[in-house]
N, C-alpha and C. Protein backbone atom coordinates (compact mmCIF):
# COMPACT_ATOMS: atom_id res chain seq x y z
N MET A 1 -1.49 18.76 -9.74
CA MET A 1 -0.97 17.39 -9.52
C MET A 1 -1.55 16.51 -10.65
N ALA A 2 -0.86 16.52 -11.77
CA ALA A 2 -1.37 15.89 -12.96
C ALA A 2 -1.50 14.36 -12.81
N ASN A 3 -0.72 13.76 -11.94
CA ASN A 3 -0.74 12.30 -11.73
C ASN A 3 -1.65 11.84 -10.67
N VAL A 4 -2.36 12.78 -10.05
CA VAL A 4 -3.31 12.48 -8.95
C VAL A 4 -4.74 12.85 -9.35
N LEU A 5 -5.69 11.94 -9.18
CA LEU A 5 -7.05 12.23 -9.53
C LEU A 5 -7.55 13.40 -8.71
N SER A 6 -8.49 14.16 -9.26
CA SER A 6 -8.88 15.39 -8.65
C SER A 6 -9.50 15.19 -7.26
N HIS A 7 -10.30 14.13 -7.08
CA HIS A 7 -10.91 13.88 -5.78
C HIS A 7 -9.92 13.47 -4.72
N ASN A 8 -8.69 13.17 -5.12
CA ASN A 8 -7.61 12.75 -4.16
C ASN A 8 -6.58 13.90 -3.88
N GLU A 9 -6.80 15.02 -4.43
CA GLU A 9 -5.77 16.09 -4.31
C GLU A 9 -5.60 16.55 -2.86
N ARG A 10 -6.72 16.67 -2.12
CA ARG A 10 -6.58 17.08 -0.71
C ARG A 10 -5.79 16.03 0.09
N ALA A 11 -6.16 14.74 -0.13
CA ALA A 11 -5.45 13.67 0.57
C ALA A 11 -3.96 13.65 0.16
N ALA A 12 -3.68 13.99 -1.09
CA ALA A 12 -2.30 13.96 -1.57
C ALA A 12 -1.48 15.03 -0.80
N ALA A 13 -2.09 16.22 -0.61
CA ALA A 13 -1.40 17.30 0.08
C ALA A 13 -1.14 16.91 1.51
N THR A 14 -2.08 16.20 2.16
CA THR A 14 -1.96 15.75 3.55
C THR A 14 -0.82 14.72 3.69
N TRP A 15 -0.91 13.71 2.81
CA TRP A 15 0.10 12.62 2.93
C TRP A 15 1.51 13.06 2.58
N GLY A 16 1.60 14.05 1.71
CA GLY A 16 2.89 14.50 1.26
C GLY A 16 3.55 15.51 2.23
N SER A 17 2.74 16.06 3.13
CA SER A 17 3.22 17.18 3.99
C SER A 17 4.33 16.76 4.97
N GLY A 18 4.37 15.48 5.32
CA GLY A 18 5.36 15.01 6.28
C GLY A 18 6.77 14.94 5.74
N GLY A 19 6.86 14.84 4.43
CA GLY A 19 8.19 14.79 3.77
C GLY A 19 9.07 13.68 4.38
N ARG A 20 10.32 13.99 4.57
CA ARG A 20 11.27 13.01 5.08
C ARG A 20 10.96 12.53 6.53
N ASP A 21 10.25 13.37 7.28
CA ASP A 21 9.89 13.03 8.65
C ASP A 21 9.02 11.76 8.69
N TYR A 22 8.31 11.48 7.60
CA TYR A 22 7.45 10.29 7.55
C TYR A 22 8.24 9.03 7.70
N ASP A 23 9.54 9.07 7.33
CA ASP A 23 10.37 7.89 7.37
C ASP A 23 10.46 7.41 8.83
N ARG A 24 10.38 8.33 9.82
CA ARG A 24 10.48 7.94 11.21
C ARG A 24 9.26 7.17 11.62
N ILE A 25 8.10 7.46 11.01
CA ILE A 25 6.90 6.66 11.33
C ILE A 25 7.08 5.22 10.82
N SER A 26 7.63 5.09 9.60
CA SER A 26 7.86 3.73 9.08
C SER A 26 8.83 2.93 9.96
N GLU A 27 9.71 3.64 10.63
CA GLU A 27 10.65 2.95 11.48
C GLU A 27 9.98 2.21 12.62
N PHE A 28 8.89 2.76 13.10
CA PHE A 28 8.12 2.19 14.25
C PHE A 28 7.42 0.93 13.80
N VAL A 29 7.15 0.74 12.49
CA VAL A 29 6.47 -0.47 12.02
C VAL A 29 7.41 -1.27 11.15
N SER A 30 8.72 -1.06 11.26
CA SER A 30 9.67 -1.74 10.42
C SER A 30 9.62 -3.26 10.56
N ASP A 31 9.31 -3.78 11.75
CA ASP A 31 9.23 -5.22 11.93
C ASP A 31 8.16 -5.81 11.01
N ALA A 32 7.01 -5.12 10.93
CA ALA A 32 5.91 -5.58 10.09
C ALA A 32 6.29 -5.53 8.60
N LEU A 33 7.02 -4.44 8.20
CA LEU A 33 7.44 -4.27 6.85
C LEU A 33 8.41 -5.36 6.46
N THR A 34 9.37 -5.64 7.32
CA THR A 34 10.34 -6.68 7.07
C THR A 34 9.67 -8.11 6.95
N HIS A 35 8.67 -8.30 7.81
CA HIS A 35 7.96 -9.57 7.76
C HIS A 35 7.29 -9.78 6.38
N LEU A 36 6.65 -8.74 5.91
CA LEU A 36 5.99 -8.87 4.62
C LEU A 36 7.05 -9.21 3.49
N VAL A 37 8.11 -8.49 3.51
CA VAL A 37 9.16 -8.68 2.49
C VAL A 37 9.70 -10.09 2.59
N ASN A 38 9.92 -10.58 3.80
CA ASN A 38 10.39 -11.97 3.97
C ASN A 38 9.39 -13.00 3.42
N ARG A 39 8.12 -12.68 3.56
CA ARG A 39 7.10 -13.63 3.10
C ARG A 39 6.84 -13.62 1.60
N ILE A 40 7.06 -12.46 0.96
CA ILE A 40 6.81 -12.42 -0.48
C ILE A 40 7.98 -12.80 -1.22
N ILE A 41 9.14 -13.00 -0.62
CA ILE A 41 10.35 -13.58 -1.17
C ILE A 41 10.73 -12.92 -2.54
N PRO A 42 11.15 -11.64 -2.53
CA PRO A 42 11.61 -11.07 -3.77
C PRO A 42 12.88 -11.74 -4.34
N GLN A 43 12.88 -11.91 -5.65
CA GLN A 43 14.02 -12.53 -6.34
C GLN A 43 14.79 -11.50 -7.12
N PRO A 44 16.10 -11.69 -7.27
CA PRO A 44 16.88 -10.73 -8.08
C PRO A 44 16.34 -10.67 -9.52
N GLY A 45 16.17 -9.44 -9.94
CA GLY A 45 15.66 -9.22 -11.30
C GLY A 45 14.17 -9.11 -11.40
N GLU A 46 13.40 -9.54 -10.40
CA GLU A 46 11.96 -9.38 -10.46
C GLU A 46 11.53 -7.88 -10.38
N ARG A 47 10.44 -7.56 -11.05
CA ARG A 47 9.95 -6.20 -11.04
C ARG A 47 8.78 -6.12 -9.96
N PHE A 48 8.99 -5.22 -9.01
CA PHE A 48 8.03 -4.99 -7.93
C PHE A 48 7.47 -3.62 -8.02
N LEU A 49 6.15 -3.48 -7.74
CA LEU A 49 5.53 -2.19 -7.57
C LEU A 49 5.08 -2.05 -6.13
N ASP A 50 5.51 -0.99 -5.46
CA ASP A 50 5.11 -0.73 -4.11
C ASP A 50 4.14 0.51 -4.11
N VAL A 51 2.86 0.20 -3.76
CA VAL A 51 1.82 1.19 -3.86
C VAL A 51 1.65 1.89 -2.51
N GLY A 52 1.61 3.23 -2.51
CA GLY A 52 1.52 3.95 -1.25
C GLY A 52 2.88 3.87 -0.56
N THR A 53 3.92 4.05 -1.26
CA THR A 53 5.25 3.77 -0.80
C THR A 53 5.77 4.75 0.33
N GLY A 54 5.15 5.89 0.42
CA GLY A 54 5.59 6.86 1.43
C GLY A 54 7.01 7.29 1.12
N THR A 55 7.90 7.22 2.10
CA THR A 55 9.32 7.55 1.86
C THR A 55 10.10 6.34 1.41
N GLY A 56 9.45 5.27 1.08
CA GLY A 56 10.11 4.16 0.42
C GLY A 56 10.75 3.10 1.29
N TRP A 57 10.32 2.98 2.51
CA TRP A 57 10.97 1.95 3.38
C TRP A 57 10.82 0.57 2.85
N THR A 58 9.62 0.18 2.49
CA THR A 58 9.38 -1.15 1.95
C THR A 58 10.08 -1.32 0.59
N ALA A 59 10.04 -0.24 -0.21
CA ALA A 59 10.73 -0.33 -1.50
C ALA A 59 12.21 -0.57 -1.34
N ARG A 60 12.82 0.02 -0.33
CA ARG A 60 14.24 -0.15 -0.08
C ARG A 60 14.51 -1.61 0.37
N LEU A 61 13.67 -2.15 1.18
CA LEU A 61 13.84 -3.57 1.61
C LEU A 61 13.74 -4.50 0.40
N LEU A 62 12.80 -4.26 -0.46
CA LEU A 62 12.66 -5.10 -1.68
C LEU A 62 13.88 -4.95 -2.55
N SER A 63 14.37 -3.74 -2.72
CA SER A 63 15.52 -3.48 -3.57
C SER A 63 16.77 -4.16 -3.01
N SER A 64 16.87 -4.21 -1.68
CA SER A 64 18.04 -4.80 -1.03
C SER A 64 18.14 -6.34 -1.29
N ARG A 65 16.95 -6.90 -1.68
CA ARG A 65 16.92 -8.33 -2.01
C ARG A 65 17.18 -8.56 -3.52
N GLY A 66 17.42 -7.52 -4.25
CA GLY A 66 17.74 -7.65 -5.69
C GLY A 66 16.62 -7.37 -6.65
N ALA A 67 15.42 -7.07 -6.13
CA ALA A 67 14.34 -6.75 -7.02
C ALA A 67 14.53 -5.40 -7.61
N THR A 68 13.90 -5.20 -8.80
CA THR A 68 13.85 -3.90 -9.45
C THR A 68 12.49 -3.26 -9.03
N VAL A 69 12.56 -2.14 -8.33
CA VAL A 69 11.36 -1.63 -7.62
C VAL A 69 10.95 -0.29 -8.16
N THR A 70 9.65 -0.12 -8.33
CA THR A 70 9.00 1.16 -8.60
C THR A 70 8.12 1.45 -7.42
N GLY A 71 8.25 2.62 -6.87
CA GLY A 71 7.44 3.01 -5.71
C GLY A 71 6.55 4.22 -6.07
N VAL A 72 5.28 4.12 -5.78
CA VAL A 72 4.35 5.20 -6.12
C VAL A 72 3.59 5.66 -4.89
N ASP A 73 3.24 7.00 -4.87
CA ASP A 73 2.49 7.54 -3.79
C ASP A 73 1.85 8.84 -4.31
N ILE A 74 0.69 9.20 -3.73
CA ILE A 74 0.05 10.45 -4.15
C ILE A 74 0.70 11.66 -3.54
N GLY A 75 1.51 11.46 -2.50
CA GLY A 75 2.13 12.56 -1.78
C GLY A 75 3.43 13.00 -2.36
N ALA A 76 3.48 14.19 -3.02
CA ALA A 76 4.69 14.61 -3.68
C ALA A 76 5.85 14.82 -2.66
N GLY A 77 5.51 15.22 -1.45
CA GLY A 77 6.54 15.51 -0.44
C GLY A 77 7.29 14.23 0.00
N VAL A 78 6.52 13.15 0.19
CA VAL A 78 7.18 11.91 0.56
C VAL A 78 7.94 11.24 -0.60
N ILE A 79 7.45 11.45 -1.79
CA ILE A 79 8.20 10.93 -2.95
C ILE A 79 9.49 11.67 -3.14
N GLU A 80 9.46 12.95 -2.96
CA GLU A 80 10.70 13.73 -3.02
C GLU A 80 11.69 13.27 -2.00
N ALA A 81 11.21 12.93 -0.78
CA ALA A 81 12.09 12.42 0.25
C ALA A 81 12.60 11.06 -0.10
N ALA A 82 11.73 10.19 -0.68
CA ALA A 82 12.14 8.82 -1.06
C ALA A 82 13.26 8.90 -2.10
N LYS A 83 13.14 9.79 -3.04
CA LYS A 83 14.16 9.96 -4.08
C LYS A 83 15.49 10.37 -3.49
N ALA A 84 15.43 11.27 -2.49
CA ALA A 84 16.65 11.74 -1.85
C ALA A 84 17.31 10.59 -1.01
N LEU A 85 16.49 9.78 -0.39
CA LEU A 85 17.03 8.69 0.42
C LEU A 85 17.59 7.61 -0.40
N THR A 86 17.01 7.29 -1.55
CA THR A 86 17.44 6.16 -2.37
C THR A 86 17.32 6.59 -3.83
N PRO A 87 18.27 7.29 -4.39
CA PRO A 87 18.15 7.79 -5.76
C PRO A 87 18.06 6.67 -6.84
N ASP A 88 18.54 5.47 -6.54
CA ASP A 88 18.53 4.46 -7.53
C ASP A 88 17.25 3.68 -7.70
N ILE A 89 16.25 4.00 -6.85
CA ILE A 89 14.91 3.38 -7.01
C ILE A 89 14.01 4.34 -7.74
N ASP A 90 13.14 3.77 -8.59
CA ASP A 90 12.22 4.55 -9.39
C ASP A 90 11.03 4.98 -8.55
N PHE A 91 11.03 6.14 -8.01
CA PHE A 91 9.89 6.70 -7.25
C PHE A 91 9.11 7.68 -8.08
N ARG A 92 7.80 7.55 -8.03
CA ARG A 92 6.95 8.46 -8.83
C ARG A 92 5.71 8.89 -8.02
N VAL A 93 5.25 10.10 -8.32
CA VAL A 93 3.92 10.50 -7.82
C VAL A 93 2.88 9.86 -8.77
N ALA A 94 2.03 9.04 -8.22
CA ALA A 94 0.99 8.34 -8.99
C ALA A 94 -0.13 7.95 -8.05
N ASP A 95 -1.28 7.78 -8.64
CA ASP A 95 -2.51 7.45 -7.88
C ASP A 95 -2.83 6.02 -7.97
N ALA A 96 -3.08 5.38 -6.83
CA ALA A 96 -3.39 3.93 -6.80
C ALA A 96 -4.67 3.62 -7.52
N GLU A 97 -5.53 4.63 -7.70
CA GLU A 97 -6.78 4.42 -8.47
C GLU A 97 -6.58 4.61 -9.96
N SER A 98 -5.42 4.96 -10.43
CA SER A 98 -5.16 5.09 -11.85
C SER A 98 -3.63 4.92 -12.09
N LEU A 99 -3.18 3.68 -11.91
CA LEU A 99 -1.76 3.42 -12.03
C LEU A 99 -1.24 3.64 -13.45
N PRO A 100 -0.15 4.37 -13.62
CA PRO A 100 0.31 4.70 -14.99
C PRO A 100 1.22 3.61 -15.58
N PHE A 101 0.74 2.36 -15.58
CA PHE A 101 1.54 1.26 -16.09
C PHE A 101 0.68 0.37 -17.00
N GLU A 102 1.33 -0.30 -17.89
CA GLU A 102 0.65 -1.24 -18.74
C GLU A 102 0.15 -2.46 -17.99
N ASP A 103 -0.77 -3.20 -18.55
CA ASP A 103 -1.22 -4.47 -17.94
C ASP A 103 -0.05 -5.38 -17.82
N ALA A 104 -0.05 -6.17 -16.70
CA ALA A 104 0.93 -7.22 -16.46
C ALA A 104 2.34 -6.69 -16.48
N SER A 105 2.62 -5.53 -15.88
CA SER A 105 3.91 -4.89 -15.88
C SER A 105 4.85 -5.41 -14.80
N PHE A 106 4.24 -6.04 -13.72
CA PHE A 106 5.06 -6.33 -12.57
C PHE A 106 4.90 -7.79 -12.18
N ASP A 107 6.02 -8.34 -11.62
CA ASP A 107 6.01 -9.70 -11.07
C ASP A 107 5.29 -9.76 -9.77
N ALA A 108 5.27 -8.66 -9.01
CA ALA A 108 4.62 -8.63 -7.73
C ALA A 108 4.24 -7.23 -7.40
N VAL A 109 3.19 -7.05 -6.53
CA VAL A 109 2.76 -5.78 -6.04
C VAL A 109 2.68 -5.83 -4.53
N THR A 110 3.21 -4.78 -3.88
CA THR A 110 3.04 -4.70 -2.41
C THR A 110 2.47 -3.37 -2.02
N SER A 111 1.87 -3.34 -0.85
CA SER A 111 1.40 -2.11 -0.30
C SER A 111 1.40 -2.26 1.25
N THR A 112 2.14 -1.46 1.94
CA THR A 112 2.26 -1.61 3.39
C THR A 112 1.65 -0.39 4.08
N PHE A 113 0.50 -0.52 4.68
CA PHE A 113 -0.24 0.52 5.29
C PHE A 113 -0.43 1.73 4.32
N GLY A 114 -0.71 1.38 3.04
CA GLY A 114 -0.82 2.40 2.02
C GLY A 114 -2.13 2.38 1.30
N VAL A 115 -2.40 1.34 0.45
CA VAL A 115 -3.58 1.29 -0.37
C VAL A 115 -4.87 1.24 0.49
N MET A 116 -4.75 0.91 1.74
CA MET A 116 -5.91 0.87 2.62
C MET A 116 -6.57 2.21 2.79
N PHE A 117 -5.92 3.32 2.48
CA PHE A 117 -6.44 4.62 2.63
C PHE A 117 -7.09 5.22 1.36
N VAL A 118 -7.22 4.40 0.30
CA VAL A 118 -7.77 4.95 -0.94
C VAL A 118 -9.28 5.29 -0.75
N ALA A 119 -9.72 6.22 -1.60
CA ALA A 119 -11.14 6.67 -1.57
C ALA A 119 -12.02 5.69 -2.27
N GLN A 120 -11.48 4.92 -3.26
CA GLN A 120 -12.26 4.01 -4.07
C GLN A 120 -11.61 2.65 -4.11
N PRO A 121 -11.87 1.86 -3.07
CA PRO A 121 -11.20 0.56 -2.93
C PRO A 121 -11.34 -0.37 -4.13
N GLU A 122 -12.57 -0.46 -4.65
CA GLU A 122 -12.76 -1.38 -5.80
C GLU A 122 -11.94 -1.02 -6.99
N ILE A 123 -11.78 0.30 -7.26
CA ILE A 123 -10.96 0.72 -8.38
C ILE A 123 -9.49 0.46 -8.12
N ALA A 124 -9.03 0.74 -6.91
CA ALA A 124 -7.64 0.46 -6.59
C ALA A 124 -7.30 -1.03 -6.67
N ALA A 125 -8.21 -1.87 -6.19
CA ALA A 125 -8.01 -3.32 -6.26
C ALA A 125 -7.92 -3.75 -7.73
N HIS A 126 -8.81 -3.22 -8.59
CA HIS A 126 -8.75 -3.49 -10.03
C HIS A 126 -7.39 -3.15 -10.58
N GLU A 127 -6.86 -1.98 -10.22
CA GLU A 127 -5.61 -1.49 -10.72
C GLU A 127 -4.44 -2.43 -10.30
N ILE A 128 -4.49 -2.81 -9.01
CA ILE A 128 -3.43 -3.75 -8.53
C ILE A 128 -3.37 -5.04 -9.32
N ALA A 129 -4.61 -5.61 -9.54
CA ALA A 129 -4.63 -6.84 -10.29
C ALA A 129 -4.25 -6.63 -11.75
N ARG A 130 -4.63 -5.50 -12.30
CA ARG A 130 -4.39 -5.25 -13.74
C ARG A 130 -2.88 -5.19 -14.06
N VAL A 131 -2.09 -4.56 -13.13
CA VAL A 131 -0.65 -4.39 -13.44
C VAL A 131 0.21 -5.58 -13.00
N CYS A 132 -0.41 -6.56 -12.34
CA CYS A 132 0.32 -7.72 -11.86
C CYS A 132 0.30 -8.83 -12.94
N LYS A 133 1.37 -9.45 -13.19
CA LYS A 133 1.46 -10.52 -14.17
C LYS A 133 0.66 -11.72 -13.73
N SER A 134 0.15 -12.46 -14.66
CA SER A 134 -0.46 -13.74 -14.34
C SER A 134 0.59 -14.66 -13.67
N GLY A 135 0.25 -15.22 -12.56
CA GLY A 135 1.20 -16.01 -11.83
C GLY A 135 2.03 -15.16 -10.86
N GLY A 136 1.77 -13.86 -10.88
CA GLY A 136 2.52 -12.95 -9.98
C GLY A 136 2.06 -13.00 -8.55
N ARG A 137 2.58 -12.11 -7.72
CA ARG A 137 2.36 -12.21 -6.29
C ARG A 137 1.91 -10.83 -5.73
N LEU A 138 1.15 -10.89 -4.68
CA LEU A 138 0.63 -9.73 -4.00
C LEU A 138 0.92 -9.78 -2.50
N GLY A 139 1.37 -8.67 -1.93
CA GLY A 139 1.54 -8.64 -0.47
C GLY A 139 0.95 -7.34 0.09
N LEU A 140 0.02 -7.43 1.00
CA LEU A 140 -0.64 -6.25 1.61
C LEU A 140 -0.40 -6.30 3.10
N LEU A 141 -0.16 -5.12 3.70
CA LEU A 141 -0.01 -5.05 5.11
C LEU A 141 -1.00 -3.97 5.60
N THR A 142 -1.89 -4.36 6.53
CA THR A 142 -2.98 -3.45 6.93
C THR A 142 -3.25 -3.58 8.44
N TRP A 143 -3.83 -2.53 9.03
CA TRP A 143 -4.23 -2.62 10.42
C TRP A 143 -5.49 -3.46 10.53
N VAL A 144 -5.60 -4.24 11.58
CA VAL A 144 -6.83 -4.99 11.80
C VAL A 144 -7.93 -4.18 12.44
N PRO A 145 -9.19 -4.38 12.15
CA PRO A 145 -10.25 -3.56 12.70
C PRO A 145 -10.34 -3.58 14.20
N GLU A 146 -9.97 -4.65 14.82
CA GLU A 146 -10.08 -4.79 16.28
C GLU A 146 -8.82 -4.45 17.04
N GLY A 147 -7.81 -3.88 16.39
CA GLY A 147 -6.56 -3.69 16.99
C GLY A 147 -6.40 -2.38 17.78
N THR A 148 -5.19 -2.18 18.27
CA THR A 148 -4.89 -1.00 19.09
C THR A 148 -5.04 0.31 18.27
N VAL A 149 -4.58 0.26 17.04
CA VAL A 149 -4.61 1.46 16.20
C VAL A 149 -6.06 1.93 15.94
N THR A 150 -6.98 0.97 15.79
CA THR A 150 -8.40 1.36 15.64
C THR A 150 -8.86 2.13 16.87
N GLY A 151 -8.54 1.65 18.05
CA GLY A 151 -8.90 2.34 19.29
C GLY A 151 -8.32 3.74 19.33
N PHE A 152 -7.10 3.91 18.87
CA PHE A 152 -6.47 5.23 18.86
C PHE A 152 -7.30 6.18 17.93
N PHE A 153 -7.67 5.68 16.76
CA PHE A 153 -8.38 6.56 15.85
C PHE A 153 -9.77 6.89 16.42
N GLN A 154 -10.40 6.01 17.11
CA GLN A 154 -11.69 6.26 17.70
C GLN A 154 -11.57 7.33 18.82
N MET A 155 -10.49 7.23 19.60
CA MET A 155 -10.26 8.27 20.64
C MET A 155 -10.07 9.63 20.00
N MET A 156 -9.31 9.69 18.94
CA MET A 156 -9.03 10.97 18.29
C MET A 156 -10.22 11.60 17.61
N ARG A 157 -11.23 10.79 17.28
CA ARG A 157 -12.38 11.24 16.56
C ARG A 157 -13.08 12.38 17.28
N SER A 158 -13.08 12.29 18.63
CA SER A 158 -13.80 13.32 19.38
C SER A 158 -13.07 14.74 19.36
N TYR A 159 -11.85 14.70 18.92
CA TYR A 159 -11.07 15.95 18.86
C TYR A 159 -10.98 16.51 17.40
N MET A 160 -11.64 15.79 16.47
CA MET A 160 -11.52 16.19 15.07
C MET A 160 -12.78 16.85 14.60
N PRO A 161 -12.75 17.61 13.50
CA PRO A 161 -13.95 18.21 12.90
C PRO A 161 -14.91 17.13 12.53
N PRO A 162 -16.25 17.50 12.40
CA PRO A 162 -17.24 16.53 12.00
C PRO A 162 -16.87 15.93 10.62
N PRO A 163 -17.16 14.65 10.43
CA PRO A 163 -16.80 14.05 9.14
C PRO A 163 -17.63 14.63 7.99
N PRO A 164 -17.17 14.56 6.78
CA PRO A 164 -17.96 15.06 5.60
C PRO A 164 -19.22 14.30 5.47
N THR A 165 -20.12 14.84 4.68
CA THR A 165 -21.44 14.20 4.40
C THR A 165 -21.24 12.79 3.81
N ASN A 166 -20.30 12.67 2.92
CA ASN A 166 -19.99 11.35 2.29
C ASN A 166 -18.57 11.01 2.71
N PRO A 167 -18.31 10.45 3.89
CA PRO A 167 -16.96 10.15 4.35
C PRO A 167 -16.35 9.05 3.53
N PRO A 168 -14.99 9.03 3.44
CA PRO A 168 -14.33 7.93 2.67
C PRO A 168 -14.49 6.66 3.47
N PRO A 169 -14.31 5.51 2.75
CA PRO A 169 -14.45 4.23 3.44
C PRO A 169 -13.39 4.08 4.50
N SER A 170 -13.67 3.28 5.55
CA SER A 170 -12.71 3.08 6.62
C SER A 170 -11.49 2.29 6.12
N PRO A 171 -10.30 2.76 6.38
CA PRO A 171 -9.12 1.97 6.01
C PRO A 171 -9.05 0.65 6.70
N PHE A 172 -9.67 0.53 7.84
CA PHE A 172 -9.57 -0.72 8.60
C PHE A 172 -10.35 -1.87 7.98
N GLU A 173 -11.24 -1.51 6.95
CA GLU A 173 -11.94 -2.54 6.25
C GLU A 173 -10.91 -3.43 5.51
N TRP A 174 -9.81 -2.87 5.10
CA TRP A 174 -8.76 -3.65 4.44
C TRP A 174 -8.11 -4.68 5.35
N GLY A 175 -8.35 -4.59 6.63
CA GLY A 175 -7.85 -5.55 7.57
C GLY A 175 -8.76 -6.76 7.83
N ARG A 176 -9.94 -6.73 7.16
CA ARG A 176 -10.86 -7.90 7.27
C ARG A 176 -10.66 -8.82 6.11
N PRO A 177 -10.34 -10.05 6.35
CA PRO A 177 -10.20 -11.03 5.27
C PRO A 177 -11.40 -11.09 4.31
N GLU A 178 -12.62 -10.94 4.92
CA GLU A 178 -13.84 -10.97 4.04
C GLU A 178 -13.79 -9.83 3.05
N ARG A 179 -13.33 -8.68 3.47
CA ARG A 179 -13.30 -7.52 2.55
C ARG A 179 -12.23 -7.72 1.50
N ILE A 180 -11.07 -8.26 1.88
CA ILE A 180 -10.02 -8.49 0.89
C ILE A 180 -10.47 -9.53 -0.14
N PHE A 181 -11.18 -10.52 0.30
CA PHE A 181 -11.77 -11.49 -0.69
C PHE A 181 -12.69 -10.82 -1.65
N GLU A 182 -13.53 -9.89 -1.13
CA GLU A 182 -14.46 -9.13 -2.01
C GLU A 182 -13.68 -8.33 -3.04
N LEU A 183 -12.57 -7.75 -2.62
CA LEU A 183 -11.82 -6.85 -3.50
C LEU A 183 -10.91 -7.57 -4.48
N LEU A 184 -10.28 -8.65 -3.98
CA LEU A 184 -9.18 -9.28 -4.74
C LEU A 184 -9.26 -10.76 -4.88
N GLY A 185 -10.29 -11.36 -4.30
CA GLY A 185 -10.40 -12.79 -4.33
C GLY A 185 -10.66 -13.43 -5.64
N ASP A 186 -11.21 -12.62 -6.59
CA ASP A 186 -11.41 -13.16 -7.99
C ASP A 186 -10.11 -13.25 -8.73
N ALA A 187 -9.10 -12.53 -8.32
CA ALA A 187 -7.84 -12.46 -9.07
C ALA A 187 -6.71 -13.20 -8.38
N PHE A 188 -6.74 -13.32 -7.05
CA PHE A 188 -5.65 -13.90 -6.31
C PHE A 188 -6.09 -14.99 -5.37
N GLU A 189 -5.24 -16.02 -5.25
CA GLU A 189 -5.43 -16.99 -4.22
C GLU A 189 -4.82 -16.36 -2.91
N LEU A 190 -5.63 -16.16 -1.91
CA LEU A 190 -5.25 -15.32 -0.79
C LEU A 190 -5.06 -16.14 0.50
N VAL A 191 -4.05 -15.78 1.26
CA VAL A 191 -3.88 -16.32 2.62
C VAL A 191 -3.62 -15.13 3.56
N PHE A 192 -3.82 -15.32 4.83
CA PHE A 192 -3.71 -14.24 5.80
C PHE A 192 -2.97 -14.59 7.01
N GLU A 193 -2.21 -13.65 7.55
CA GLU A 193 -1.46 -13.84 8.77
C GLU A 193 -1.66 -12.60 9.67
N THR A 194 -1.67 -12.76 10.98
CA THR A 194 -1.83 -11.67 11.88
C THR A 194 -0.59 -11.64 12.83
N GLY A 195 -0.11 -10.42 13.01
CA GLY A 195 1.06 -10.26 13.91
C GLY A 195 0.96 -8.96 14.68
N ASN A 196 2.05 -8.65 15.38
CA ASN A 196 2.15 -7.42 16.21
C ASN A 196 3.47 -6.71 15.90
N ASP A 197 3.39 -5.36 15.88
CA ASP A 197 4.64 -4.64 15.70
C ASP A 197 5.20 -4.25 17.09
N ILE A 198 6.26 -3.44 17.11
CA ILE A 198 6.92 -3.15 18.38
C ILE A 198 6.08 -2.40 19.33
N ALA A 199 5.05 -1.71 18.87
CA ALA A 199 4.12 -1.02 19.72
C ALA A 199 2.95 -1.89 20.18
N ASP A 200 3.03 -3.18 19.83
CA ASP A 200 1.96 -4.12 20.19
C ASP A 200 0.64 -3.80 19.49
N ALA A 201 0.73 -3.19 18.34
CA ALA A 201 -0.50 -2.97 17.55
C ALA A 201 -0.63 -4.09 16.55
N GLN A 202 -1.82 -4.60 16.41
CA GLN A 202 -2.02 -5.76 15.49
C GLN A 202 -2.12 -5.35 14.09
N TRP A 203 -1.52 -6.14 13.21
CA TRP A 203 -1.60 -5.90 11.76
C TRP A 203 -1.89 -7.24 11.07
N ARG A 204 -2.35 -7.13 9.87
CA ARG A 204 -2.66 -8.36 9.10
C ARG A 204 -1.92 -8.33 7.80
N VAL A 205 -1.27 -9.42 7.43
CA VAL A 205 -0.64 -9.62 6.14
C VAL A 205 -1.60 -10.39 5.23
N SER A 206 -1.84 -9.88 4.03
CA SER A 206 -2.62 -10.59 3.05
C SER A 206 -1.62 -10.95 1.91
N LEU A 207 -1.46 -12.22 1.64
CA LEU A 207 -0.54 -12.67 0.59
C LEU A 207 -1.37 -13.40 -0.51
N GLY A 208 -1.01 -13.14 -1.71
CA GLY A 208 -1.78 -13.77 -2.82
C GLY A 208 -0.86 -14.13 -3.98
N ALA A 209 -1.34 -15.18 -4.68
CA ALA A 209 -0.73 -15.57 -5.97
C ALA A 209 -1.78 -15.37 -7.04
N PHE A 210 -1.33 -14.69 -8.08
CA PHE A 210 -2.34 -14.35 -9.17
C PHE A 210 -2.80 -15.63 -9.88
N ARG A 211 -4.12 -15.74 -9.99
CA ARG A 211 -4.68 -16.97 -10.58
C ARG A 211 -4.82 -16.86 -12.08
N GLN A 212 -5.56 -15.82 -12.54
CA GLN A 212 -5.69 -15.62 -13.98
C GLN A 212 -6.21 -14.23 -14.19
N ARG A 213 -6.08 -13.72 -15.42
CA ARG A 213 -6.54 -12.37 -15.66
C ARG A 213 -8.03 -12.40 -15.95
N LEU A 214 -8.84 -11.79 -15.05
CA LEU A 214 -10.25 -11.81 -15.16
C LEU A 214 -10.81 -10.43 -15.67
N TRP A 215 -9.98 -9.44 -15.56
CA TRP A 215 -10.46 -8.07 -15.85
C TRP A 215 -9.72 -7.58 -17.13
N SER A 216 -10.39 -6.70 -17.83
CA SER A 216 -9.76 -6.02 -18.95
C SER A 216 -10.20 -4.55 -18.94
N ASN A 217 -9.45 -3.69 -19.54
CA ASN A 217 -9.80 -2.24 -19.56
C ASN A 217 -11.06 -2.02 -20.35
């Protein structure tokens, strides 16, 4: 998997294994995905990057508003499904920790229940800000730490193998505004909203406008 960093190859195999069936999971949170797209207000002709796109549900919503969308995910299986579902969107296997795009390539970046699972949050946050144009926009959708989904993961933990010696960071940290400020507050003016999907699981939307380019390669 040339486009996936070596330490993410196992995760890539896991996320890709669902293939087209993963689209059914996105259907259950489609209300949240639609809310984010409504809030980020894609305009015809704008270039959007959807990180952790899965089978491309959010990318399809953005494209339906006239945006030119690129969707990336480390899972080859879900990217293959995304291409089959919507051939006219640019879907690629790519790693959020090493995005294969030039600086300031996109008018906006989104990630819906995607980038929160990265192994190296600081690096992924740097990459998101790097590829977003000055004055561009950011939209993140994440589970909140205190929500129903967190309780489900805690229940399942007793049925799972012991965690590795150096476990990856919790994806639910991306649901804390304090953590998002640590990761992206230097680059984006951030606001937060909390809502519920059809399963009554709480999620948080983080919206940002790019302030200025503070990082360089």
